[in-house]
Protein backbone atom coordinates (compact mmCIF):
# COMPACT_ATOMS: atom_id res chain seq x y z
CA MET A 1 -3.40 -68.22 0.23
CA SER A 2 -4.27 -64.66 -0.68
CA ARG A 3 -7.83 -64.22 -1.87
CA PHE A 4 -6.91 -62.08 -4.88
CA ASN A 5 -3.45 -63.47 -5.46
CA ILE A 6 -3.49 -63.96 -9.23
CA PHE A 7 -5.92 -61.08 -9.77
CA THR A 8 -3.69 -58.67 -7.83
CA LYS A 9 -0.57 -59.79 -9.65
CA LEU A 10 -2.17 -59.33 -13.07
CA ILE A 11 -3.42 -55.85 -12.18
CA ALA A 12 0.02 -54.93 -10.83
CA THR A 13 1.63 -56.17 -14.05
CA LEU A 14 -0.75 -54.08 -16.16
CA LEU A 15 -0.01 -50.99 -14.07
CA ILE A 16 3.75 -51.58 -14.29
CA LEU A 17 3.47 -51.78 -18.09
CA LEU A 18 1.02 -48.89 -18.46
CA ILE A 19 2.44 -46.33 -16.02
CA PRO A 20 5.76 -45.78 -17.92
CA ILE A 21 3.80 -45.32 -21.16
CA LEU A 22 1.52 -42.79 -19.48
CA LEU A 23 4.48 -40.94 -17.99
CA LEU A 24 6.30 -40.89 -21.34
CA PHE A 25 3.20 -39.59 -23.10
CA ALA A 26 2.61 -36.97 -20.41
CA VAL A 27 6.20 -35.70 -20.67
CA SER A 28 6.07 -35.72 -24.48
CA ASN A 29 2.70 -33.96 -24.50
CA ARG A 30 3.94 -31.38 -22.00
CA THR A 31 7.04 -30.72 -24.10
CA SER A 32 4.97 -30.32 -27.28
CA THR A 33 2.59 -27.96 -25.49
CA ASP A 34 5.44 -25.84 -24.13
CA VAL A 35 7.14 -25.64 -27.54
CA LEU A 36 3.90 -24.68 -29.27
CA THR A 37 3.12 -22.11 -26.57
CA ASP A 38 6.57 -20.54 -26.97
CA GLU A 39 6.11 -20.37 -30.75
CA ILE A 40 2.71 -18.73 -30.35
CA ILE A 41 4.24 -16.16 -28.02
CA LYS A 42 7.07 -15.43 -30.47
CA VAL A 43 4.76 -15.11 -33.48
CA LYS A 44 2.22 -12.95 -31.69
CA ARG A 45 4.92 -10.74 -30.20
CA TYR A 46 6.45 -10.26 -33.64
CA GLN A 47 3.05 -9.38 -35.15
CA ILE A 48 2.09 -6.92 -32.45
CA GLU A 49 5.55 -5.28 -32.37
CA THR A 50 5.50 -4.87 -36.15
CA PHE A 51 2.07 -3.24 -36.15
CA ALA A 52 2.98 -1.03 -33.16
CA ASN A 53 6.10 0.13 -35.00
CA GLN A 54 3.95 1.03 -38.02
CA LEU A 55 1.66 3.14 -35.85
CA ASP A 56 4.60 4.81 -34.12
CA GLU A 57 6.20 5.50 -37.49
CA LEU A 58 2.98 7.17 -38.68
CA PHE A 59 2.69 9.46 -35.70
CA PHE A 60 6.41 10.23 -35.65
CA ARG A 61 6.18 11.17 -39.35
CA LEU A 62 3.23 13.46 -38.63
CA ASP A 63 5.26 14.97 -35.82
CA THR A 64 8.03 15.61 -38.34
CA TYR A 65 5.51 17.41 -40.58
CA LYS A 66 4.56 19.58 -37.65
CA LYS A 67 8.17 20.56 -37.05
CA MET A 68 8.74 21.27 -40.75
CA LEU A 69 5.78 23.65 -40.82
CA TYR A 70 6.77 25.17 -37.52
CA GLU A 71 10.25 25.98 -38.83
CA SER A 72 9.14 27.07 -42.32
CA THR A 73 9.93 30.76 -43.08
CA ASP A 74 6.88 31.21 -45.29
CA VAL A 75 4.61 29.81 -42.57
CA ARG A 76 6.06 32.20 -40.03
CA ASN A 77 5.93 35.20 -42.41
CA LEU A 78 2.15 34.90 -42.63
CA ALA A 79 2.08 35.59 -38.91
CA TYR A 80 3.41 39.11 -39.71
CA PRO A 81 1.41 40.39 -42.72
CA ASP A 82 2.51 43.98 -42.11
CA LEU A 83 6.03 43.05 -43.08
CA LEU A 84 4.99 41.80 -46.50
CA ASP A 85 5.33 44.16 -49.51
CA ASP A 86 1.95 43.93 -51.14
CA VAL A 87 -1.22 41.89 -51.46
CA LEU A 88 0.20 39.79 -54.26
CA GLY A 89 3.09 38.76 -52.06
CA LYS A 90 0.69 37.78 -49.29
CA TYR A 91 -1.33 35.70 -51.73
CA ARG A 92 1.76 34.01 -53.09
CA ILE A 93 3.01 33.05 -49.61
CA ASN A 94 -0.48 31.94 -48.55
CA ARG A 95 -0.72 29.69 -51.60
CA THR A 96 2.77 28.31 -51.00
CA VAL A 97 1.91 27.39 -47.39
CA SER A 98 -1.39 25.80 -48.45
CA GLU A 99 0.32 23.70 -51.10
CA GLU A 100 2.96 22.61 -48.61
CA ILE A 101 0.31 21.58 -46.08
CA ASN A 102 -1.67 19.59 -48.66
CA ARG A 103 1.52 17.99 -49.93
CA LEU A 104 2.48 16.83 -46.45
CA ALA A 105 -1.06 15.66 -45.69
CA GLY A 106 -1.13 13.61 -48.88
CA TYR A 107 1.84 11.43 -47.99
CA GLY A 108 1.09 7.83 -46.98
CA ASP A 109 -2.09 5.79 -46.85
CA TRP A 110 -3.31 7.22 -43.56
CA LYS A 111 -4.60 10.76 -43.85
CA ALA A 112 -4.47 13.40 -41.15
CA VAL A 113 -5.71 16.97 -40.84
CA ILE A 114 -2.82 19.46 -40.84
CA ALA A 115 -3.57 23.12 -40.14
CA VAL A 116 -1.80 26.38 -39.32
CA LEU A 117 -3.71 28.99 -37.34
CA TYR A 118 -2.78 32.65 -36.96
CA PRO A 119 -4.63 33.95 -33.88
CA LYS A 120 -3.86 37.63 -34.46
CA THR A 121 -5.04 37.76 -38.09
CA GLY A 122 -7.66 34.97 -37.85
CA ILE A 123 -6.18 33.17 -40.88
CA VAL A 124 -6.55 29.34 -40.92
CA ILE A 125 -4.81 27.22 -43.53
CA LYS A 126 -5.67 23.49 -43.38
CA SER A 127 -5.42 20.38 -45.47
CA ASN A 128 -9.09 19.47 -45.16
CA SER A 129 -11.86 21.87 -46.14
CA SER A 130 -14.44 20.05 -44.01
CA LEU A 131 -16.12 22.38 -41.53
CA ASN A 132 -15.57 19.82 -38.79
CA ALA A 133 -11.96 19.20 -39.68
CA LEU A 134 -10.80 21.12 -36.61
CA PRO A 135 -12.57 21.41 -33.28
CA LYS A 136 -14.30 24.66 -32.48
CA GLU A 137 -12.00 25.28 -29.57
CA LEU A 138 -8.36 24.32 -29.42
CA PRO A 139 -6.66 23.39 -26.15
CA SER A 140 -5.17 26.27 -24.26
CA GLN A 141 -1.89 24.39 -23.83
CA ASP A 142 0.42 22.88 -26.39
CA THR A 143 -0.13 19.12 -26.51
CA PHE A 144 1.56 16.04 -27.93
CA TRP A 145 -0.93 13.58 -29.43
CA GLN A 146 -3.64 13.97 -26.85
CA TYR A 147 -6.83 11.88 -27.10
CA TYR A 148 -10.13 13.78 -27.39
CA SER A 149 -13.71 12.62 -27.62
CA ASP A 150 -16.89 14.58 -28.23
CA SER A 151 -20.38 13.86 -29.43
CA ASN A 152 -19.32 13.93 -33.09
CA GLU A 153 -16.02 12.12 -33.24
CA GLU A 154 -12.94 10.76 -31.50
CA TYR A 155 -9.44 11.84 -32.48
CA PHE A 156 -5.83 12.41 -31.46
CA MET A 157 -4.45 15.93 -31.76
CA GLU A 158 -1.22 17.79 -31.07
CA VAL A 159 -0.66 21.56 -31.02
CA LEU A 160 2.55 23.61 -31.16
CA SER A 161 2.54 27.43 -30.74
CA TYR A 162 5.02 30.03 -31.96
CA PRO A 163 6.74 31.42 -30.09
CA GLU A 164 6.80 28.39 -27.75
CA ASN A 165 4.79 28.70 -24.54
CA SER A 166 3.52 32.14 -25.65
CA LEU A 167 -0.14 31.14 -25.48
CA GLU A 168 -0.34 31.68 -21.73
CA SER A 169 0.43 35.40 -22.16
CA GLY A 170 -1.86 35.67 -25.18
CA GLU A 171 1.06 36.48 -27.51
CA ALA A 172 0.98 33.35 -29.77
CA HIS A 173 1.44 34.43 -33.39
CA MET A 174 1.04 31.00 -34.94
CA ARG A 175 -0.24 27.51 -33.96
CA VAL A 176 0.48 24.32 -35.90
CA VAL A 177 -2.30 21.73 -35.39
CA LEU A 178 -2.28 18.03 -36.39
CA LYS A 179 -5.41 15.93 -36.00
CA PHE A 180 -5.72 12.19 -36.63
CA GLY A 181 -9.19 10.60 -36.53
CA VAL A 182 -9.81 7.42 -34.55
CA GLY A 183 -11.74 6.05 -37.52
CA ALA A 184 -8.46 5.65 -39.40
CA LEU A 185 -7.06 3.71 -36.44
CA ARG A 186 -10.14 1.47 -36.39
CA SER A 187 -9.62 0.75 -40.07
CA ALA A 188 -5.96 -0.04 -39.43
CA LEU A 189 -6.90 -2.38 -36.56
CA SER A 190 -9.51 -4.11 -38.75
CA GLU A 191 -6.96 -4.59 -41.52
CA PHE A 192 -4.47 -5.96 -39.00
CA LYS A 193 -7.14 -8.38 -37.75
CA ALA A 194 -7.99 -9.45 -41.31
CA ASN A 195 -4.35 -10.40 -41.89
CA GLY A 196 -4.59 -13.20 -39.33
CA SER A 197 -4.41 -11.47 -35.98
CA GLY A 198 -6.77 -12.13 -33.11
CA ASP A 199 -8.92 -9.17 -32.09
CA PRO A 200 -6.60 -6.11 -31.65
CA PHE A 201 -7.59 -2.91 -29.87
CA LEU A 202 -5.92 0.14 -28.28
CA TYR A 203 -6.06 0.52 -24.52
CA HIS A 204 -5.20 3.33 -22.14
CA PRO A 205 -6.06 3.41 -18.43
CA GLY A 206 -8.91 5.83 -17.79
CA ALA A 207 -10.06 6.02 -21.43
CA ASP A 208 -12.45 4.01 -23.55
CA PRO A 209 -10.68 1.38 -25.67
CA ILE A 210 -10.39 1.90 -29.41
CA TYR A 211 -11.78 -1.20 -31.11
CA ASN A 212 -11.64 -2.56 -34.61
CA TYR A 213 -14.88 -2.66 -36.58
CA SER A 214 -15.59 -6.38 -35.97
CA VAL A 215 -14.61 -6.48 -32.33
CA ASN A 216 -15.98 -8.91 -29.72
CA VAL A 217 -16.83 -6.24 -27.17
CA LYS A 218 -18.17 -8.68 -24.59
CA GLN A 219 -14.94 -10.67 -24.58
CA ILE A 220 -12.72 -7.59 -24.32
CA ASP A 221 -14.84 -6.13 -21.51
CA GLU A 222 -13.94 -9.22 -19.46
CA PHE A 223 -10.23 -8.49 -20.00
CA LEU A 224 -10.29 -4.76 -19.17
CA PRO A 225 -10.27 -5.10 -15.33
CA ARG A 226 -7.20 -7.33 -15.57
CA LEU A 227 -5.43 -4.95 -17.97
CA LYS A 228 -5.38 -2.31 -15.26
CA GLY A 229 -2.70 -4.40 -13.59
CA ILE A 230 -0.16 -3.81 -16.40
CA ASP A 231 3.12 -2.54 -15.01
CA PRO A 232 3.66 1.01 -16.46
CA SER A 233 7.40 0.43 -16.50
CA LYS A 234 7.06 -2.48 -18.94
CA GLU A 235 6.89 -1.68 -22.64
CA SER A 236 5.53 -5.07 -23.67
CA GLY A 237 4.53 -8.45 -22.33
CA TYR A 238 1.67 -10.91 -22.07
CA MET A 239 -0.62 -12.40 -19.45
CA LEU A 240 -2.74 -15.55 -19.23
CA LEU A 241 -6.44 -14.95 -18.64
CA LYS A 242 -9.38 -17.34 -18.44
CA SER A 243 -12.92 -16.69 -19.60
CA ASP A 244 -15.76 -19.21 -19.90
CA LYS A 245 -13.37 -22.15 -19.43
CA THR A 246 -11.21 -20.81 -22.30
CA LYS A 247 -7.61 -19.74 -21.71
CA TYR A 248 -6.27 -16.69 -23.55
CA GLN A 249 -2.82 -15.22 -24.12
CA VAL A 250 -3.29 -11.44 -23.94
CA HIS A 251 -0.29 -9.61 -25.47
CA TYR A 252 0.35 -5.87 -25.17
CA GLN A 253 2.85 -3.42 -26.69
CA LYS A 254 3.14 0.22 -25.66
CA LEU A 255 3.06 2.86 -28.44
CA GLU A 256 5.82 5.36 -27.78
CA SER A 257 4.09 8.05 -29.84
CA LEU A 258 0.65 7.89 -28.16
CA GLY A 259 1.38 6.31 -24.76
CA TRP A 260 -1.42 3.82 -25.43
CA TYR A 261 -1.14 0.01 -25.46
CA LEU A 262 -1.77 -2.08 -28.52
CA VAL A 263 -3.49 -5.20 -27.15
CA ASP A 264 -4.27 -8.46 -28.91
CA TYR A 265 -5.29 -11.86 -27.55
CA VAL A 266 -5.05 -15.46 -28.68
CA PRO A 267 -7.48 -18.21 -27.58
CA ILE A 268 -4.76 -20.61 -26.53
CA SER A 269 -7.31 -23.29 -25.58
CA HIS A 270 -8.65 -23.38 -29.14
CA ILE A 271 -5.16 -23.70 -30.58
CA MET A 272 -4.30 -26.45 -28.11
CA ALA A 273 -7.63 -28.21 -28.70
CA PRO A 274 -6.21 -30.87 -31.11
CA ILE A 275 -3.46 -31.70 -28.64
CA SER A 276 -5.99 -31.82 -25.80
CA ARG A 277 -8.25 -34.09 -27.85
CA ASN A 278 -5.35 -36.42 -28.61
CA GLN A 279 -4.40 -36.41 -24.94
CA THR A 280 -7.96 -37.19 -23.89
CA MET A 281 -8.22 -39.92 -26.51
CA PHE A 282 -4.96 -41.46 -25.33
CA TYR A 283 -6.08 -41.45 -21.71
CA VAL A 284 -9.47 -42.92 -22.67
CA ILE A 285 -7.80 -45.68 -24.67
CA SER A 286 -5.38 -46.31 -21.80
CA GLY A 287 -8.31 -46.50 -19.40
CA MET A 288 -10.08 -48.93 -21.72
CA LEU A 289 -6.95 -51.07 -21.93
CA LEU A 290 -6.66 -51.03 -18.15
CA PHE A 291 -10.34 -51.94 -17.80
CA MET A 292 -10.02 -54.73 -20.36
CA GLY A 293 -6.91 -56.00 -18.60
CA ALA A 294 -8.68 -55.88 -15.23
CA TYR A 295 -11.67 -57.68 -16.72
CA LEU A 296 -9.39 -60.33 -18.23
CA ALA A 297 -7.65 -60.71 -14.86
CA PHE A 298 -11.03 -61.05 -13.16
CA VAL A 299 -12.14 -63.70 -15.66
CA MET A 300 -8.92 -65.62 -15.10
CA TYR A 301 -9.35 -65.26 -11.35
CA ARG A 302 -12.94 -66.49 -11.47
CA ASN A 303 -12.31 -69.38 -13.88
CA ILE A 304 -8.90 -70.49 -12.58
CA GLN A 305 -8.14 -69.20 -9.11
CA ILE A 306 -11.56 -69.73 -7.51
CA PRO A 307 -11.97 -73.36 -8.75
CA PHE A 308 -8.41 -74.08 -7.67
CA ARG A 309 -9.07 -72.64 -4.19
CA LYS A 310 -12.27 -74.70 -3.88
CA MET A 311 -10.38 -77.85 -4.78
CA ILE A 312 -7.63 -77.08 -2.23
CA ARG A 313 -10.25 -76.41 0.47
CA ASN A 314 -12.06 -79.69 -0.20
CA MET A 315 -8.78 -81.60 -0.23
CA ASN A 316 -8.04 -80.15 3.22
CA LEU A 317 -11.48 -81.31 4.39
CA ILE A 318 -10.77 -84.83 3.14
CA GLU A 319 -7.43 -84.70 4.95
CA LYS A 320 -9.34 -83.85 8.15
CA GLY A 321 -11.57 -86.91 7.70
CA ILE A 322 -14.68 -85.34 6.11
CA TYR A 323 -15.00 -87.80 3.23
CA SER A 324 -18.54 -86.80 2.20
CA VAL A 325 -17.36 -83.51 0.66
CA ARG A 326 -17.95 -83.12 -3.10
CA MET A 327 -17.12 -80.50 -5.72
CA THR A 328 -20.29 -78.63 -6.77
CA ASP A 329 -20.92 -75.78 -9.26
CA LYS A 330 -18.77 -77.45 -11.85
CA PRO A 331 -17.12 -74.93 -14.22
CA LYS A 332 -16.63 -75.34 -17.93
CA GLY A 333 -13.40 -76.44 -19.52
CA GLU A 334 -10.49 -78.36 -18.00
CA TYR A 335 -11.56 -77.79 -14.40
CA ARG A 336 -14.79 -79.71 -14.99
CA PHE A 337 -12.71 -82.81 -15.74
CA LEU A 338 -10.66 -82.23 -12.56
CA TYR A 339 -13.85 -81.77 -10.51
CA ASP A 340 -15.23 -85.07 -11.84
CA ARG A 341 -11.99 -86.90 -11.05
CA PHE A 342 -11.92 -85.35 -7.57
CA ASN A 343 -15.51 -86.42 -6.85
CA SER A 344 -14.76 -89.92 -8.11
CA MET A 345 -11.68 -90.11 -5.89
CA ALA A 346 -13.59 -88.80 -2.85
CA SER A 347 -16.39 -91.33 -3.43
CA LYS A 348 -13.94 -94.23 -3.60
CA ILE A 349 -12.15 -93.03 -0.46
CA GLU A 350 -15.48 -92.74 1.36
CA GLU A 351 -16.49 -96.23 0.24
CA LEU A 352 -13.19 -97.62 1.47
CA ILE A 353 -13.56 -95.86 4.82
CA VAL A 354 -17.14 -97.15 5.21
CA ASP A 355 -15.95 -100.66 4.39
CA VAL A 356 -13.26 -100.34 7.04
CA TYR A 357 -15.82 -99.11 9.61
CA LYS A 358 -18.17 -101.98 8.75
CA GLU A 359 -15.33 -104.43 9.12
CA GLN A 360 -14.50 -102.90 12.48
CA LEU A 361 -18.17 -103.15 13.49
CA ARG A 362 -18.28 -106.80 12.47
CA SER A 363 -15.14 -107.35 14.50
CA LYS A 364 -16.75 -105.64 17.50
CA ASP A 365 -19.90 -107.74 17.04
CA ALA A 366 -17.78 -110.88 17.02
CA THR A 367 -16.07 -109.68 20.17
CA LEU A 368 -19.47 -108.95 21.71
CA LYS A 369 -20.68 -112.46 20.91
CA GLN A 370 -17.54 -113.85 22.44
CA LEU A 371 -18.12 -111.77 25.56
CA GLN A 372 -21.73 -112.90 25.65
CA SER A 373 -20.55 -116.49 25.67
CA GLN A 374 -18.41 -115.81 28.67
CA ILE A 375 -20.36 -115.30 31.86
CA ASN A 376 -18.90 -112.73 34.22
CA PRO A 377 -17.67 -114.96 37.09
CA HIS A 378 -17.68 -112.19 39.69
CA PHE A 379 -21.24 -111.12 38.83
CA LEU A 380 -22.39 -114.77 38.80
CA TYR A 381 -20.66 -115.56 42.14
CA ASN A 382 -22.38 -112.63 43.81
CA THR A 383 -25.83 -113.61 42.56
CA LEU A 384 -25.38 -117.31 43.51
CA ALA A 385 -24.11 -116.31 46.95
CA TYR A 386 -27.16 -114.08 47.35
CA ILE A 387 -29.50 -116.96 46.39
CA LYS A 388 -27.75 -119.31 48.88
CA SER A 389 -28.03 -116.75 51.67
CA MET A 390 -31.71 -116.12 51.00
CA ILE A 391 -32.45 -119.89 51.06
CA GLU A 392 -30.59 -120.32 54.34
CA LEU A 393 -32.54 -117.39 55.80
CA GLY A 394 -35.78 -118.81 54.55
CA GLU A 395 -36.35 -115.86 52.17
CA ASN A 396 -37.65 -118.05 49.39
CA LYS A 397 -39.38 -115.22 47.50
CA ALA A 398 -36.17 -113.20 47.31
CA ALA A 399 -34.25 -116.26 46.15
CA ILE A 400 -36.88 -117.05 43.51
CA SER A 401 -36.95 -113.41 42.31
CA MET A 402 -33.15 -113.32 41.98
CA THR A 403 -33.17 -116.65 40.16
CA MET A 404 -35.82 -115.48 37.66
CA ASN A 405 -34.12 -112.14 36.96
CA LEU A 406 -30.75 -113.84 36.55
CA SER A 407 -32.10 -116.45 34.15
CA LYS A 408 -33.91 -113.85 32.02
CA TYR A 409 -30.79 -111.67 31.94
CA TYR A 410 -28.48 -114.46 30.76
CA ARG A 411 -31.06 -115.78 28.32
CA TYR A 412 -31.08 -112.35 26.59
CA THR A 413 -27.33 -111.69 26.70
CA THR A 414 -26.33 -115.14 25.45
CA LYS A 415 -28.80 -115.17 22.56
CA THR A 416 -26.87 -114.94 19.26
CA GLY A 417 -29.69 -114.43 16.78
CA ASN A 418 -30.76 -111.06 15.38
CA LYS A 419 -28.58 -108.02 15.97
CA MET A 420 -31.65 -105.74 16.14
CA VAL A 421 -34.33 -105.95 18.85
CA GLY A 422 -37.31 -103.88 19.93
CA LEU A 423 -36.61 -101.02 22.31
CA ARG A 424 -39.14 -102.47 24.77
CA GLU A 425 -37.20 -105.77 24.84
CA GLU A 426 -33.92 -103.89 25.39
CA LEU A 427 -35.46 -101.98 28.30
CA ASP A 428 -36.74 -105.27 29.82
CA LEU A 429 -33.13 -106.45 29.91
CA ILE A 430 -32.19 -103.22 31.71
CA HIS A 431 -35.03 -103.85 34.16
CA PHE A 432 -33.72 -107.38 34.96
CA TYR A 433 -30.16 -106.08 35.25
CA LEU A 434 -31.09 -103.25 37.63
CA GLU A 435 -33.36 -105.53 39.72
CA ILE A 436 -30.42 -107.87 40.28
CA HIS A 437 -28.17 -105.00 41.43
CA CYS A 438 -30.90 -103.53 43.63
CA MET A 439 -31.14 -106.88 45.44
CA LEU A 440 -27.36 -107.12 45.76
CA ARG A 441 -26.75 -103.53 46.93
CA ASP A 442 -30.04 -102.08 48.15
CA ASP A 443 -28.66 -98.49 47.90
CA PHE A 444 -30.52 -97.10 44.86
CA GLU A 445 -33.75 -97.31 42.92
CA PHE A 446 -34.58 -96.86 39.25
CA HIS A 447 -37.36 -95.56 37.05
CA ILE A 448 -37.96 -96.28 33.33
CA GLU A 449 -40.18 -94.14 31.03
CA ILE A 450 -40.89 -94.84 27.35
CA GLU A 451 -43.33 -93.31 24.90
CA PRO A 452 -45.78 -95.95 23.59
CA GLN A 453 -44.93 -95.35 19.92
CA MET A 454 -41.27 -96.18 20.60
CA GLU A 455 -41.78 -99.62 22.17
CA ASP A 456 -41.56 -101.48 18.85
CA LEU A 457 -38.70 -99.33 17.53
CA GLU A 458 -35.77 -101.57 16.57
CA VAL A 459 -32.38 -100.79 18.08
CA PRO A 460 -29.03 -102.62 18.17
CA ARG A 461 -28.86 -105.28 20.88
CA LEU A 462 -27.14 -104.29 24.13
CA ILE A 463 -27.02 -100.60 23.08
CA VAL A 464 -28.34 -99.27 26.41
CA GLN A 465 -26.82 -101.83 28.82
CA PRO A 466 -23.25 -100.33 28.70
CA LEU A 467 -24.68 -96.95 29.82
CA VAL A 468 -26.45 -98.50 32.85
CA GLU A 469 -23.42 -100.62 33.69
CA ASN A 470 -21.27 -97.45 33.64
CA VAL A 471 -23.60 -95.89 36.25
CA ILE A 472 -23.43 -98.98 38.51
CA LEU A 473 -19.63 -99.14 38.32
CA HIS A 474 -18.74 -95.44 38.67
CA SER A 475 -21.62 -93.44 40.14
CA PHE A 476 -22.64 -95.33 43.31
CA ASN A 477 -19.44 -97.04 44.50
CA ASN A 478 -18.31 -94.05 46.57
CA HIS A 479 -21.79 -92.66 47.15
CA SER A 480 -23.11 -92.93 50.73
CA GLU A 481 -26.59 -91.57 50.02
CA TYR A 482 -29.48 -93.44 48.48
CA GLY A 483 -29.23 -93.15 44.70
CA MET A 484 -31.61 -92.85 41.78
CA ILE A 485 -31.31 -93.98 38.14
CA GLN A 486 -33.77 -92.55 35.62
CA ILE A 487 -34.14 -93.84 32.05
CA ARG A 488 -36.27 -91.82 29.60
CA CYS A 489 -37.15 -92.62 25.97
CA TRP A 490 -38.78 -90.05 23.66
CA SER A 491 -38.97 -88.93 20.03
CA GLU A 492 -38.61 -85.31 18.86
CA ASP A 493 -38.04 -83.53 15.49
CA GLY A 494 -37.31 -86.74 13.60
CA MET A 495 -34.77 -87.96 16.18
CA ASN A 496 -35.09 -90.73 18.80
CA HIS A 497 -33.54 -90.24 22.23
CA VAL A 498 -32.70 -92.48 25.22
CA ALA A 499 -31.29 -90.73 28.29
CA VAL A 500 -29.73 -92.44 31.33
CA GLU A 501 -29.37 -90.10 34.33
CA ASP A 502 -28.29 -90.64 37.93
CA THR A 503 -27.94 -88.73 41.16
CA GLY A 504 -24.36 -89.96 41.55
CA THR A 505 -21.54 -87.99 43.15
CA GLY A 506 -21.66 -85.19 40.57
CA VAL A 507 -19.25 -84.42 37.72
CA ASP A 508 -17.69 -81.11 36.70
CA TYR A 509 -17.27 -79.69 33.21
CA SER A 510 -13.60 -80.69 32.87
CA MET A 511 -14.39 -84.34 33.61
CA ILE A 512 -17.20 -84.34 31.05
CA GLU A 513 -14.83 -82.87 28.43
CA SER A 514 -12.25 -85.55 29.21
CA ILE A 515 -14.84 -88.31 28.70
CA ARG A 516 -16.02 -86.67 25.46
CA LYS A 517 -12.51 -86.61 24.02
CA LYS A 518 -12.15 -90.34 24.66
CA ILE A 519 -15.55 -91.11 23.15
CA TYR A 520 -15.12 -88.92 20.04
CA SER A 521 -11.46 -89.87 19.45
CA SER A 522 -10.68 -91.62 16.16
CA SER A 523 -7.69 -93.41 17.69
CA GLU A 524 -8.02 -97.17 17.75
CA GLU A 525 -5.86 -97.36 20.86
CA ILE A 526 -8.61 -95.88 23.07
CA GLU A 527 -11.32 -98.45 23.78
CA SER A 528 -14.38 -98.07 26.03
CA GLY A 529 -17.98 -99.24 26.18
CA LEU A 530 -19.34 -95.72 25.65
CA LYS A 531 -17.06 -95.16 22.62
CA ASN A 532 -18.24 -98.43 21.04
CA VAL A 533 -21.88 -97.38 21.51
CA HIS A 534 -21.17 -93.97 19.92
CA GLN A 535 -19.44 -95.48 16.87
CA ARG A 536 -22.17 -98.11 16.37
CA LEU A 537 -24.88 -95.41 16.28
CA ARG A 538 -22.96 -93.13 13.88
CA LEU A 539 -22.17 -95.98 11.52
CA MET A 540 -25.72 -97.33 11.49
CA TYR A 541 -27.72 -94.08 11.51
CA GLY A 542 -25.43 -91.40 10.07
CA GLY A 543 -23.35 -88.45 11.25
CA ASP A 544 -26.14 -86.74 13.23
CA SER A 545 -26.50 -89.77 15.51
CA GLY A 546 -24.33 -90.65 18.48
CA LEU A 547 -23.81 -90.20 22.19
CA GLN A 548 -23.88 -86.89 24.12
CA LEU A 549 -22.77 -86.14 27.69
CA SER A 550 -24.06 -83.43 30.02
CA GLN A 551 -24.75 -82.71 33.68
CA SER A 552 -28.02 -84.21 34.89
CA HIS A 553 -30.67 -82.22 36.71
CA LEU A 554 -30.60 -85.07 39.27
CA GLY A 555 -27.08 -84.06 40.23
CA GLY A 556 -25.02 -86.68 38.44
CA LEU A 557 -24.23 -87.46 34.81
CA CYS A 558 -26.65 -87.60 31.87
CA VAL A 559 -25.70 -89.91 28.98
CA GLN A 560 -28.02 -89.54 25.99
CA LEU A 561 -28.33 -91.72 22.88
CA SER A 562 -29.70 -90.00 19.76
CA TRP A 563 -30.34 -91.45 16.32
CA SER A 564 -32.35 -90.62 13.25
CA SER A 565 -35.84 -91.98 12.75
CA LYS A 566 -34.81 -93.20 9.28
CA GLU A 567 -34.05 -96.85 8.81
CA SER A 568 -30.58 -98.07 9.62
CA VAL A 569 -28.08 -97.86 6.79
CA SER A 570 -26.38 -101.00 8.00
């Protein structure tokens, strides 16, 4: 069974339900963002193109004024005063030209300085009487809206000479000059910004930008290095720039009249902020739902799956024969009732099994009593034959010793009183039994050790005799050398131990394992004296008691009885 079976399935179900919603929202959000971005681009492009057209229209109109003055007969006549009739005629033409210049300069909301200079006569007719209206020195070449900057002001100016290109030879008779101050452009940019634009400015590579009056200079200075990458062949366009984690759409439109770029930018991140907040909120809520679902799955796993797994595990243990298992850490709710019913069932099963074992033990005790009532004929024949031989040989002491040991042995084995005897009394029986066999065989000796505090310890009757009998029957029959049997009794760490060891013929590990399997087998078909001893100890003293086999340091087999110091549960 998978450890996180239900938990994993619930999480997978939540993900299957949540992922399509997240994908749908992501696609919808992306579509909305793209549509809004396209609309921003269209609106901003329309605004910047409209304003650029207004500026171009202004400068093209001023250029038209220049051509009108350049082609005016009266303006040209003043270049040749000698051809005029009299002073009054000169005054009349001068006044006519001045009125025409002021009339042209007065058109529109944006004012410019319009002037006509006559180099040969030194006459200057201009629309503005300010001393600084025209620069002290005009450019030596004719220009078309060239940008100039000095300590006093910044301006655009264009100059046209008559005859054309005659200035190089010093023969220019007339020069038409138009000057437009940058201050007017700043005002126009500020007005454009006030109408809902971003932060417009004029840009030309190699020149200082022309800002509006409320410009964010620091922000624009961050854009200027990137603006150098504008393709000169493109009249308009936009680029995406990032500054201080804020994304900007920077739009530009080239002015045909000036050759400069009108630039404006939009903080796209600020415009998209509501959408981003909604997106973040949706993802946070989705994460919370996923967390709550995972927590719910975990609670269900802990309160349903884990108790169920514990119950299955304990049922498997009962199936393997471990009937003492119980359900602990009882949960709340329905599983508590199931745990109680399981514990009640396990207790009843254990009681039934114990009753069966006790009944089997009683049956074995009855069998033992029956065996005790039947004297082993072969063993008795051998001892009687030994006594007869000793009498015939005149060995009266040997005959008397055999007779006494035999009588004490049968008196103990045929007694049907208490089932429990002192360990000292049980070892006396072993002493009589081994003395008899030593007289009959004379090929081994024995040694018995017991701690004084264990002599009065009560043990089941005939619990050690099967171990010694097993040594006599199996260890020395095919053994040519003189043998040794050692019996030790000691107490350690709350456990009592009796070990029977022999020199024997030696046993290997595989043989010991084979004997262990027979002793520890739960099958009723396998019967042996050692198995009966093991089961009697476990039933009377608990699961830690029983019989253990190992190789003896004497060279043969070591069979050890171990049981708890607590009183018998029988």
